[in-house]
């Protein structure tokens, strides 16, 4: 891309690709194909449509929709008219949904007809919302007082008559809120870093790649990474409605996908599917993974004939990214060149190589690389202290400087003076032959600090013996890590991106139905 240095905002990139690759496919969805040129026109229609409905620069629109091309028209189109968008988790309802719609100050809402009952249940006006647009997926009539999404998308495809303000908000991406009310991470035109994103994409994407995602578009991985990498590289990406373990590889084969991104429990879930002789008969070349269990890394690669490229990043990470380019299995690699980073203890003091500490990175420019939470200056100040951004995640580094994820600092437990990684406890427990899934967290101890508690989901058709599980844990983990409390459950609660929701587990804590190792196995002496 010889003109890349001229591309300052994402707006410029979309226009550039529309002129450069034109009718080349960009989005593959079901039997629909959206070209780069068509996407550019659709994005303009979205912005012009909202303007015609009385919106003014600085207004916001929330998107409560399932995966579809229209989602992307709205998200990437609205900033062209000076508007910001707010992707909303489709699993939210009640007070959780109302909080984001109110906190974000949006004046407009676009919602699927199948999801509209969630809005109706809130009753009366919500926050500052003035108009609601509905994407119809059936022949049912529109809910009273709403407008069809086609009202927006049938507007002019001419370039919006709006001059971009570098300081304007483009979107708010709310954190998943697994430890409390979610915070809206502010993204502005000036923080897009299109040049850096294009440079990174040139290393990750080949000209003949077809990217694939089944992750929800309300999550940054699908919305920013997959859709963004494809746009930067001028290649197609296939969009599936949702993740399905049983038919995961079918659409990949259909579209000829060569890369996909894996989050949370995706790899363990796929590994639990019955083996098939054609498992490796797929076009995937690279799996860009986050939090792949080390024990499954090479096994997954061999079974499906793919290469895992482990990485680390966060919505509120200020652009900090690490990628495993040839580092050992289990490592997330090193931060990008030019990133100044260190691992620190709770006092902010740098720790020695091999010790566990929080990853922090120097922020060269707070305007472009800092972290800003919407209407929450206190949280913003806690995230970036002085010149350093605190990730809230624990790592250790090897002699070559490769990083290894240990745990989220909020999930780390402390028992008898020892720090315990929930991630490590879960990995060991899930190796037990009768355990399908595990979530570990801390609950208050009568002696102070924490006791280790786990929720376990047994494998179908297996009888779970908790005493046997405890003996297994004692043989395979440090004595102070062995769980005391166990709840056997049918399902481990997860977000739409398969991230375990531990806040509800911690809130429930120990109940009358909880199994207590110290009561049930008094003879077990740990040392």
Protein backbone atom coordinates (compact mmCIF):
# COMPACT_ATOMS: atom_id res chain seq x y z
CA UNK A 1 0.00 0.00 0.00
CA UNK A 2 2.09 2.88 -1.28
CA UNK A 3 -0.35 5.52 -0.02
CA UNK A 4 -0.47 4.13 3.52
CA UNK A 5 1.33 7.15 5.07
CA UNK A 6 -1.59 9.34 3.93
CA UNK A 7 -4.17 7.29 5.80
CA UNK A 8 -4.80 8.99 9.12
CA UNK A 9 -8.24 7.84 10.21
CA UNK A 10 -10.24 4.66 9.65
CA UNK A 11 -12.51 6.75 7.46
CA UNK A 12 -9.55 7.26 5.09
CA UNK A 13 -8.71 3.55 5.07
CA UNK A 14 -12.26 2.53 4.06
CA UNK A 15 -12.27 5.09 1.22
CA UNK A 16 -8.81 4.02 0.10
CA UNK A 17 -9.67 0.33 -0.07
CA UNK A 18 -12.94 1.06 -1.87
CA UNK A 19 -10.95 2.85 -4.59
CA UNK A 20 -8.04 0.39 -4.60
CA UNK A 21 -9.67 -3.05 -4.49
CA UNK A 22 -13.21 -1.91 -5.32
CA UNK A 23 -15.40 -4.90 -6.08
CA UNK A 24 -13.22 -7.42 -4.26
CA UNK A 25 -15.22 -9.23 -1.55
CA UNK A 26 -14.87 -7.83 1.95
CA UNK A 27 -17.64 -9.51 4.00
CA UNK A 28 -18.85 -13.06 3.36
CA UNK A 29 -22.05 -13.72 5.29
CA UNK A 30 -24.38 -16.62 4.57
CA UNK A 31 -25.00 -16.28 0.80
CA UNK A 32 -24.30 -12.54 0.75
CA UNK A 33 -21.09 -10.95 -0.46
CA UNK A 34 -20.29 -7.31 0.38
CA UNK A 35 -17.50 -5.78 -1.68
CA UNK A 36 -15.14 -3.09 -0.44
CA UNK A 37 -16.83 -0.50 -2.64
CA UNK A 38 -20.29 -1.56 -1.46
CA UNK A 39 -19.16 -1.40 2.16
CA UNK A 40 -17.92 2.15 1.66
CA UNK A 41 -21.30 3.16 0.21
CA UNK A 42 -23.25 1.39 2.97
CA UNK A 43 -21.18 3.09 5.67
CA UNK A 44 -21.94 6.47 4.09
CA UNK A 45 -25.66 5.63 3.97
CA UNK A 46 -25.65 4.80 7.68
CA UNK A 47 -24.12 8.16 8.62
CA UNK A 48 -26.30 10.15 6.22
CA UNK A 49 -29.36 8.28 7.42
CA UNK A 50 -28.81 9.19 11.05
CA UNK A 51 -28.19 12.81 10.08
CA UNK A 52 -31.54 12.85 8.26
CA UNK A 53 -33.18 11.65 11.48
CA UNK A 54 -32.03 14.74 13.35
CA UNK A 55 -28.72 13.50 14.78
CA UNK A 56 -25.95 16.01 15.30
CA UNK A 57 -22.18 15.48 15.59
CA UNK A 58 -21.39 14.19 19.06
CA UNK A 59 -24.58 12.10 19.34
CA UNK A 60 -24.33 8.40 20.11
CA UNK A 61 -26.09 5.28 18.83
CA UNK A 62 -26.20 1.95 20.67
CA UNK A 63 -26.14 -1.27 18.65
CA UNK A 64 -27.95 -4.27 20.12
CA UNK A 65 -27.75 -6.72 17.24
CA UNK A 66 -26.57 -10.18 16.40
CA UNK A 67 -23.82 -10.72 13.82
CA UNK A 68 -24.69 -9.35 10.39
CA UNK A 69 -23.11 -6.99 7.80
CA UNK A 70 -25.46 -4.18 8.85
CA UNK A 71 -23.72 -4.13 12.24
CA UNK A 72 -20.47 -3.23 10.51
CA UNK A 73 -22.12 -0.61 8.29
CA UNK A 74 -23.30 1.16 11.44
CA UNK A 75 -20.14 0.77 13.49
CA UNK A 76 -17.72 1.94 10.81
CA UNK A 77 -20.13 4.35 9.15
CA UNK A 78 -21.38 6.47 12.05
CA UNK A 79 -18.06 8.23 12.81
CA UNK A 80 -18.15 9.57 9.24
CA UNK A 81 -21.04 11.76 10.33
CA UNK A 82 -19.45 12.68 13.67
CA UNK A 83 -21.43 10.12 15.69
CA UNK A 84 -20.19 7.49 18.13
CA UNK A 85 -21.44 3.95 18.53
CA UNK A 86 -21.84 1.70 21.55
CA UNK A 87 -21.74 -2.07 20.84
CA UNK A 88 -23.97 -3.78 23.43
CA UNK A 89 -23.70 -7.38 24.61
CA UNK A 90 -26.78 -9.22 23.34
CA UNK A 91 -26.92 -11.34 26.49
CA UNK A 92 -27.60 -8.31 28.68
CA UNK A 93 -31.05 -7.64 30.03
CA UNK A 94 -32.76 -5.77 32.84
CA UNK A 95 -30.61 -3.47 34.93
CA UNK A 96 -27.37 -4.49 33.22
CA UNK A 97 -28.72 -3.47 29.82
CA UNK A 98 -30.34 -0.33 31.19
CA UNK A 99 -27.06 0.73 32.82
CA UNK A 100 -25.10 0.76 29.55
CA UNK A 101 -27.87 2.43 27.55
CA UNK A 102 -28.10 5.15 30.21
CA UNK A 103 -24.44 5.53 31.12
CA UNK A 104 -23.38 5.89 27.48
CA UNK A 105 -25.72 8.89 26.86
CA UNK A 106 -26.79 7.52 23.47
CA UNK A 107 -29.72 9.23 21.76
CA UNK A 108 -30.41 6.45 19.27
CA UNK A 109 -30.69 2.67 19.43
CA UNK A 110 -30.56 0.05 16.69
CA UNK A 111 -31.90 -3.34 17.79
CA UNK A 112 -32.82 -6.68 16.22
CA UNK A 113 -36.54 -7.47 16.25
CA UNK A 114 -35.72 -10.68 18.14
CA UNK A 115 -33.96 -8.65 20.84
CA UNK A 116 -36.51 -5.84 21.09
CA UNK A 117 -38.44 -7.55 23.93
CA UNK A 118 -35.42 -6.82 26.14
CA UNK A 119 -35.97 -3.13 25.47
CA UNK A 120 -39.72 -3.35 25.96
CA UNK A 121 -39.19 -5.00 29.34
CA UNK A 122 -37.26 -1.95 30.56
CA UNK A 123 -40.45 0.13 30.28
CA UNK A 124 -40.68 3.84 29.48
CA UNK A 125 -37.86 5.97 28.06
CA UNK A 126 -34.35 4.66 28.75
CA UNK A 127 -31.62 7.19 29.37
CA UNK A 128 -31.42 9.81 26.61
CA UNK A 129 -32.71 7.56 23.81
CA UNK A 130 -35.00 9.46 21.43
CA UNK A 131 -35.43 7.06 18.51
CA UNK A 132 -35.26 3.29 18.10
CA UNK A 133 -34.50 1.60 14.78
CA UNK A 134 -35.30 -2.10 14.34
CA UNK A 135 -33.56 -4.59 12.05
CA UNK A 136 -36.30 -6.88 10.83
CA UNK A 137 -35.41 -10.55 10.53
CA UNK A 138 -39.00 -11.70 9.96
CA UNK A 139 -42.25 -10.47 8.45
CA UNK A 140 -43.57 -9.37 11.83
CA UNK A 141 -44.70 -5.76 12.05
CA UNK A 142 -42.47 -3.17 13.68
CA UNK A 143 -42.99 -2.54 17.41
CA UNK A 144 -45.05 0.62 18.03
CA UNK A 145 -43.04 3.82 18.05
CA UNK A 146 -40.02 2.36 16.25
CA UNK A 147 -38.56 2.83 12.77
CA UNK A 148 -37.09 0.30 10.38
CA UNK A 149 -33.31 0.15 10.09
CA UNK A 150 -33.87 0.48 6.34
CA UNK A 151 -34.83 4.09 7.05
CA UNK A 152 -31.16 4.72 7.75
CA UNK A 153 -29.60 2.40 5.20
CA UNK A 154 -31.66 3.67 2.24
CA UNK A 155 -30.17 7.16 2.47
CA UNK A 156 -27.62 8.72 0.14
CA UNK A 157 -24.34 6.88 -0.41
CA UNK A 158 -22.49 10.13 -1.02
CA UNK A 159 -19.63 11.02 1.29
CA UNK A 160 -21.13 12.71 4.38
CA UNK A 161 -20.74 16.45 4.57
CA UNK A 162 -18.77 16.37 7.78
CA UNK A 163 -15.21 17.32 8.68
CA UNK A 164 -13.67 14.84 11.09
CA UNK A 165 -12.58 16.17 14.48
CA UNK A 166 -9.57 14.21 15.80
CA UNK A 167 -10.94 14.55 19.34
CA UNK A 168 -14.41 13.22 18.55
CA UNK A 169 -15.46 9.95 20.16
CA UNK A 170 -15.86 7.14 17.60
CA UNK A 171 -17.05 4.39 19.92
CA UNK A 172 -17.37 3.27 23.53
CA UNK A 173 -16.40 -0.33 24.16
CA UNK A 174 -17.72 -1.48 27.53
CA UNK A 175 -15.64 -3.94 29.51
CA UNK A 176 -17.35 -7.24 30.22
CA UNK A 177 -18.06 -6.28 33.81
CA UNK A 178 -17.12 -9.64 35.33
CA UNK A 179 -16.10 -7.88 38.56
CA UNK A 180 -18.76 -5.16 38.76
CA UNK A 181 -20.48 -2.56 36.58
CA UNK A 182 -18.76 -2.34 33.18
CA UNK A 183 -16.70 0.71 32.25
CA UNK A 184 -16.92 2.35 28.84
CA UNK A 185 -13.51 2.57 27.18
CA UNK A 186 -13.39 5.73 25.08
CA UNK A 187 -12.01 5.56 21.54
CA UNK A 188 -11.50 8.76 19.54
CA UNK A 189 -10.49 9.48 15.96
CA UNK A 190 -6.98 10.34 17.11
CA UNK A 191 -6.50 7.05 18.93
CA UNK A 192 -7.21 4.87 15.87
CA UNK A 193 -3.48 4.45 15.04
CA UNK A 194 -4.34 3.30 11.51
CA UNK A 195 -0.69 3.34 10.46
CA UNK A 196 0.36 1.03 13.28
CA UNK A 197 -2.61 -1.25 12.68
CA UNK A 198 -1.75 -1.54 8.98
CA UNK A 199 1.88 -2.31 9.79
CA UNK A 200 0.84 -5.07 12.21
CA UNK A 201 -1.63 -6.49 9.69
CA UNK A 202 1.11 -6.71 7.08
CA UNK A 203 2.95 -9.16 9.36
CA UNK A 204 -0.13 -11.19 10.31
CA UNK A 205 -2.13 -11.43 7.08
CA UNK A 206 -1.09 -12.78 3.70
CA UNK A 207 -2.58 -11.50 0.41
CA UNK A 208 -4.43 -14.78 -0.22
CA UNK A 209 -5.87 -15.10 3.30
CA UNK A 210 -9.57 -15.37 4.06
CA UNK A 211 -10.18 -14.46 7.70
CA UNK A 212 -13.04 -16.04 9.65
CA UNK A 213 -14.88 -15.17 12.83
CA UNK A 214 -17.84 -16.57 14.73
CA UNK A 215 -17.21 -14.31 17.71
CA UNK A 216 -19.87 -11.68 18.49
CA UNK A 217 -19.46 -8.28 16.88
CA UNK A 218 -20.13 -6.53 20.18
CA UNK A 219 -16.68 -7.80 21.18
CA UNK A 220 -13.53 -6.01 19.98
CA UNK A 221 -11.90 -9.21 18.73
CA UNK A 222 -14.35 -9.68 15.87
CA UNK A 223 -15.29 -6.02 15.43
CA UNK A 224 -11.80 -4.48 15.48
CA UNK A 225 -9.26 -7.24 14.94
CA UNK A 226 -10.85 -9.56 12.36
CA UNK A 227 -12.80 -6.88 10.47
CA UNK A 228 -9.90 -4.44 10.88
CA UNK A 229 -7.11 -6.78 9.79
CA UNK A 230 -9.14 -7.70 6.71
CA UNK A 231 -9.75 -4.04 5.86
CA UNK A 232 -6.09 -3.13 6.34
CA UNK A 233 -4.94 -6.01 4.14
CA UNK A 234 -7.65 -5.81 1.50
CA UNK A 235 -8.70 -9.44 1.99
CA UNK A 236 -12.14 -11.00 2.62
CA UNK A 237 -13.41 -12.14 5.99
CA UNK A 238 -16.25 -14.57 6.64
CA UNK A 239 -18.76 -13.77 9.36
CA UNK A 240 -20.78 -16.47 11.10
CA UNK A 241 -23.80 -15.78 13.32
CA UNK A 242 -22.41 -17.48 16.41
CA UNK A 243 -19.97 -20.06 17.77
CA UNK A 244 -21.03 -23.69 17.44
CA UNK A 245 -18.62 -26.41 18.53
CA UNK A 246 -20.43 -29.22 16.72
CA UNK A 247 -20.44 -27.49 13.34
CA UNK A 248 -17.46 -25.18 13.83
CA UNK A 249 -15.46 -26.36 10.81
CA UNK A 250 -18.36 -26.46 8.32
CA UNK A 251 -18.52 -22.71 7.52
CA UNK A 252 -14.72 -22.51 7.56
CA UNK A 253 -14.58 -25.11 4.80
CA UNK A 254 -17.46 -23.39 2.98
CA UNK A 255 -15.76 -19.99 2.91
CA UNK A 256 -12.19 -21.28 2.60
CA UNK A 257 -11.11 -19.58 5.82
CA UNK A 258 -7.37 -19.55 6.45
CA UNK A 259 -7.22 -17.76 9.83
CA UNK A 260 -9.53 -17.45 12.84
CA UNK A 261 -9.22 -15.97 16.30
CA UNK A 262 -9.85 -18.14 19.37
CA UNK A 263 -10.84 -16.74 22.74
CA UNK A 264 -11.35 -18.16 26.21
CA UNK A 265 -12.57 -21.73 26.22
CA UNK A 266 -12.91 -22.16 22.45
CA UNK A 267 -9.89 -24.43 22.03
CA UNK A 268 -10.75 -26.67 25.03
CA UNK A 269 -14.35 -26.90 23.83
CA UNK A 270 -13.30 -27.83 20.29
CA UNK A 271 -10.91 -30.44 21.68
CA UNK A 272 -13.80 -32.05 23.56
CA UNK A 273 -15.70 -32.70 20.34
CA UNK A 274 -15.59 -36.33 19.13
CA UNK A 275 -12.56 -36.93 16.92
CA UNK A 276 -13.24 -37.31 13.20
CA UNK A 277 -11.01 -38.64 10.46
CA UNK A 278 -11.30 -35.33 8.57
CA UNK A 279 -10.39 -33.07 11.52
CA UNK A 280 -7.23 -31.90 9.75
CA UNK A 281 -9.02 -31.58 6.41
CA UNK A 282 -9.64 -27.86 6.69
CA UNK A 283 -8.10 -24.76 5.04
CA UNK A 284 -7.07 -23.02 8.28
CA UNK A 285 -3.41 -22.01 8.43
CA UNK A 286 -3.23 -19.88 11.58
CA UNK A 287 -5.24 -19.75 14.80
CA UNK A 288 -4.70 -16.44 16.61
CA UNK A 289 -5.31 -17.49 20.18
CA UNK A 290 -5.72 -15.85 23.57
CA UNK A 291 -5.32 -17.97 26.71
CA UNK A 292 -4.76 -21.33 25.04
CA UNK A 293 -3.96 -23.89 27.77
CA UNK A 294 -0.37 -25.05 27.34
CA UNK A 295 -1.42 -28.69 27.69
CA UNK A 296 -3.66 -28.41 24.61
CA UNK A 297 -1.46 -26.22 22.41
CA UNK A 298 0.48 -28.82 20.41
CA UNK A 299 -2.28 -31.43 20.67
CA UNK A 300 -4.71 -29.00 19.01
CA UNK A 301 -2.20 -28.11 16.31
CA UNK A 302 -1.60 -31.75 15.45
CA UNK A 303 -5.25 -32.82 15.48
CA UNK A 304 -6.50 -30.00 13.25
CA UNK A 305 -3.38 -29.37 11.18
CA UNK A 306 -3.01 -25.72 12.20
CA UNK A 307 -0.47 -23.40 13.81
CA UNK A 308 -1.36 -21.50 16.99
CA UNK A 309 -0.14 -17.91 17.29
CA UNK A 310 -0.71 -16.90 20.89
CA UNK A 311 -1.21 -13.23 21.69
CA UNK A 312 -2.27 -10.86 24.47
CA UNK A 313 -4.13 -7.58 24.41
CA UNK A 314 -7.07 -5.85 26.07
CA UNK A 315 -9.83 -3.39 25.20
CA UNK A 316 -8.45 -1.09 27.88
CA UNK A 317 -4.80 -1.90 27.16
CA UNK A 318 -3.87 1.35 25.46
CA UNK A 319 -2.77 -0.53 22.34
CA UNK A 320 -0.37 -2.82 24.22
CA UNK A 321 -0.08 -6.08 22.28
CA UNK A 322 2.18 -9.10 22.59
CA UNK A 323 2.44 -11.85 19.96
CA UNK A 324 4.25 -15.16 20.02
CA UNK A 325 6.49 -15.09 16.97
CA UNK A 326 8.59 -18.20 17.58
CA UNK A 327 8.60 -18.07 21.40
CA UNK A 328 8.17 -21.29 23.43
CA UNK A 329 4.79 -22.99 23.71
CA UNK A 330 2.80 -21.37 26.51
CA UNK A 331 4.22 -17.89 25.96
CA UNK A 332 2.34 -14.86 24.66
CA UNK A 333 5.61 -13.63 23.21
CA UNK A 334 6.99 -10.13 23.61
CA UNK A 335 5.41 -6.68 23.33
CA UNK A 336 5.75 -4.98 19.95
CA UNK A 337 9.11 -3.31 19.18
CA UNK A 338 9.37 0.14 20.69
CA UNK A 339 7.25 -0.76 23.74
CA UNK A 340 8.90 -0.06 27.09
CA UNK A 341 7.55 -2.48 29.68
CA UNK A 342 8.32 -4.15 32.99
CA UNK A 343 6.80 -6.46 35.60
CA UNK A 344 6.19 -4.92 39.01
CA UNK A 345 5.02 -5.91 42.48
CA UNK A 346 2.16 -4.30 44.41
CA UNK A 347 4.37 -1.32 45.33
CA UNK A 348 5.31 -0.63 41.72
CA UNK A 349 8.85 -1.95 42.16
CA UNK A 350 10.29 -3.91 39.24
CA UNK A 351 10.74 -7.61 40.03
CA UNK A 352 13.47 -10.05 39.08
CA UNK A 353 13.31 -12.24 35.98
CA UNK A 354 11.25 -15.37 36.63
CA UNK A 355 9.12 -13.81 39.36
CA UNK A 356 5.41 -13.07 38.90
CA UNK A 357 4.34 -9.45 38.63
CA UNK A 358 1.87 -7.10 36.99
CA UNK A 359 2.65 -6.06 33.43
CA UNK A 360 2.97 -2.30 33.03
CA UNK A 361 3.95 -0.33 29.94
CA UNK A 362 5.14 3.22 29.46
CA UNK A 363 2.61 5.47 27.76
CA UNK A 364 4.49 7.66 25.26
CA UNK A 365 1.49 9.89 24.57
CA UNK A 366 -1.61 9.86 26.76
CA UNK A 367 -3.68 11.41 23.97
CA UNK A 368 -3.13 8.49 21.61
CA UNK A 369 -2.00 5.59 23.79
CA UNK A 370 -3.58 6.28 27.16
CA UNK A 371 -6.80 4.76 28.52
CA UNK A 372 -9.90 6.84 29.13
CA UNK A 373 -13.04 5.50 30.79
CA UNK A 374 -16.26 7.33 29.93
CA UNK A 375 -17.35 9.66 32.73
CA UNK A 376 -15.00 7.88 35.13
CA UNK A 377 -11.85 9.97 35.66
CA UNK A 378 -10.97 8.10 38.86
CA UNK A 379 -10.76 4.76 37.04
CA UNK A 380 -8.80 6.42 34.22
CA UNK A 381 -6.25 7.77 36.72
CA UNK A 382 -5.91 4.36 38.37
CA UNK A 383 -5.31 2.72 35.00
CA UNK A 384 -2.56 5.10 33.90
CA UNK A 385 -0.39 6.25 36.80
CA UNK A 386 2.17 8.81 35.83
CA UNK A 387 3.71 7.52 32.61
CA UNK A 388 2.80 3.87 33.16
CA UNK A 389 -0.27 1.89 32.15
CA UNK A 390 -1.19 -0.88 34.60
CA UNK A 391 -2.73 -3.86 32.81
CA UNK A 392 -4.12 -5.62 35.90
CA UNK A 393 -2.69 -8.90 34.56
CA UNK A 394 0.07 -11.03 36.06
CA UNK A 395 2.96 -12.52 34.07
CA UNK A 396 6.47 -13.85 34.45
CA UNK A 397 9.27 -13.55 31.90
CA UNK A 398 11.95 -16.01 30.80
CA UNK A 399 15.60 -15.11 30.14
CA UNK A 400 14.80 -14.07 26.56
CA UNK A 401 12.06 -11.70 27.70
CA UNK A 402 9.16 -13.84 26.56
CA UNK A 403 6.07 -13.32 28.72
CA UNK A 404 3.87 -16.03 30.23
CA UNK A 405 0.37 -15.18 31.42
CA UNK A 406 -0.32 -16.23 35.02
CA UNK A 407 -3.68 -14.74 35.96
CA UNK A 408 -5.80 -11.64 36.13
CA UNK A 409 -4.77 -9.77 39.23
CA UNK A 410 -8.41 -9.62 40.35
CA UNK A 411 -8.65 -13.44 40.08
CA UNK A 412 -5.40 -14.21 41.90
CA UNK A 413 -5.84 -15.72 45.35
CA UNK A 414 -3.66 -15.56 48.45
CA UNK A 415 -3.65 -18.42 50.97
CA UNK A 416 -1.31 -18.92 53.91
CA UNK A 417 0.97 -16.20 52.56
CA UNK A 418 1.21 -17.76 49.08
CA UNK A 419 -0.12 -16.27 45.84
CA UNK A 420 -2.23 -18.72 43.83
CA UNK A 421 -3.11 -18.47 40.16
CA UNK A 422 -6.71 -19.45 39.40
CA UNK A 423 -5.55 -20.16 35.84
CA UNK A 424 -3.05 -22.74 37.11
CA UNK A 425 -5.56 -24.43 39.43
CA UNK A 426 -8.07 -24.69 36.58
CA UNK A 427 -5.51 -26.18 34.22
CA UNK A 428 -4.62 -28.94 36.65
CA UNK A 429 -8.21 -29.77 37.60
CA UNK A 430 -9.30 -29.94 33.96
CA UNK A 431 -6.70 -32.63 33.30
CA UNK A 432 -8.61 -34.99 35.60
CA UNK A 433 -10.34 -37.62 33.44
CA UNK A 434 -13.84 -36.91 34.81
CA UNK A 435 -13.75 -33.08 34.64
CA UNK A 436 -15.08 -31.19 31.63
CA UNK A 437 -14.68 -27.63 32.94
CA UNK A 438 -13.44 -25.86 36.06
CA UNK A 439 -13.47 -22.33 37.46
CA UNK A 440 -11.33 -21.43 40.49
CA UNK A 441 -11.70 -18.39 42.73
CA UNK A 442 -11.08 -17.28 46.28
CA UNK A 443 -13.56 -17.07 49.13
CA UNK A 444 -12.88 -15.52 52.56
CA UNK A 445 -11.07 -17.75 55.04
CA UNK A 446 -11.78 -17.75 58.76
CA UNK A 447 -8.02 -17.46 59.16
CA UNK A 448 -7.79 -14.40 56.92
CA UNK A 449 -6.79 -14.21 53.25
CA UNK A 450 -8.52 -16.77 50.96
CA UNK A 451 -9.61 -20.36 50.68
CA UNK A 452 -9.55 -21.90 47.22
CA UNK A 453 -12.96 -22.80 45.84
CA UNK A 454 -13.76 -24.43 42.51
CA UNK A 455 -16.84 -25.03 40.44
CA UNK A 456 -16.57 -28.17 38.34
CA UNK A 457 -18.67 -29.50 35.50
CA UNK A 458 -18.27 -33.29 35.16
CA UNK A 459 -17.87 -34.95 31.78
CA UNK A 460 -21.07 -36.48 30.46
CA UNK A 461 -21.37 -40.15 31.39
CA UNK A 462 -18.67 -40.02 34.09
CA UNK A 463 -19.15 -40.44 37.83
CA UNK A 464 -17.25 -37.78 39.74
CA UNK A 465 -15.56 -38.81 43.00
CA UNK A 466 -14.57 -35.60 44.79
CA UNK A 467 -12.22 -37.39 47.16
CA UNK A 468 -10.39 -38.86 44.19
CA UNK A 469 -10.26 -35.39 42.62
CA UNK A 470 -8.68 -33.96 45.78
CA UNK A 471 -6.05 -36.71 45.87
CA UNK A 472 -5.31 -35.96 42.23
CA UNK A 473 -4.92 -32.25 43.02
CA UNK A 474 -2.58 -33.00 45.93
CA UNK A 475 -0.38 -35.05 43.62
CA UNK A 476 -0.28 -32.45 40.84
CA UNK A 477 -0.18 -29.02 42.48
CA UNK A 478 1.46 -27.28 45.41
CA UNK A 479 -0.19 -28.13 48.74
CA UNK A 480 -1.40 -24.58 49.32
CA UNK A 481 -3.24 -24.59 45.95
CA UNK A 482 -5.40 -27.67 46.62
CA UNK A 483 -9.05 -26.53 46.69
CA UNK A 484 -10.94 -26.70 49.93
CA UNK A 485 -14.45 -26.04 48.62
CA UNK A 486 -16.15 -27.61 45.59
CA UNK A 487 -19.51 -27.03 43.92
CA UNK A 488 -20.52 -29.52 41.23
CA UNK A 489 -22.56 -27.68 38.59
CA UNK A 490 -24.28 -28.34 35.28
CA UNK A 491 -22.74 -25.30 33.61
CA UNK A 492 -19.95 -22.78 34.26
CA UNK A 493 -21.41 -19.28 33.68
CA UNK A 494 -19.67 -17.49 30.81
CA UNK A 495 -19.95 -14.30 28.80
CA UNK A 496 -20.85 -14.43 25.10
CA UNK A 497 -17.10 -14.60 24.38
CA UNK A 498 -16.78 -17.67 26.64
CA UNK A 499 -15.04 -15.80 29.43
CA UNK A 500 -15.91 -17.21 32.86
CA UNK A 501 -18.05 -14.87 34.99
CA UNK A 502 -16.55 -15.21 38.45
CA UNK A 503 -18.30 -12.28 40.12
CA UNK A 504 -21.51 -14.27 40.54
CA UNK A 505 -19.59 -17.28 41.88
CA UNK A 506 -17.73 -15.19 44.43
CA UNK A 507 -20.97 -13.51 45.48
CA UNK A 508 -22.62 -16.88 46.11
CA UNK A 509 -19.54 -18.31 47.78
CA UNK A 510 -19.89 -21.25 50.16
CA UNK A 511 -23.45 -22.55 50.59
CA UNK A 512 -25.12 -25.52 52.30
CA UNK A 513 -24.60 -27.60 49.17
CA UNK A 514 -20.87 -26.87 48.92
CA UNK A 515 -18.51 -29.82 49.46
CA UNK A 516 -15.82 -29.02 52.08
CA UNK A 517 -12.58 -31.02 51.86
CA UNK A 518 -11.63 -30.36 55.48
CA UNK A 519 -14.94 -31.82 56.71
CA UNK A 520 -15.16 -34.68 54.21
CA UNK A 521 -11.47 -35.68 54.26
CA UNK A 522 -10.09 -34.83 57.72
CA UNK A 523 -7.45 -37.50 57.23
CA UNK A 524 -5.92 -35.64 54.28
CA UNK A 525 -2.79 -33.82 55.40
CA UNK A 526 -1.34 -31.43 52.84
CA UNK A 527 2.34 -30.66 52.79
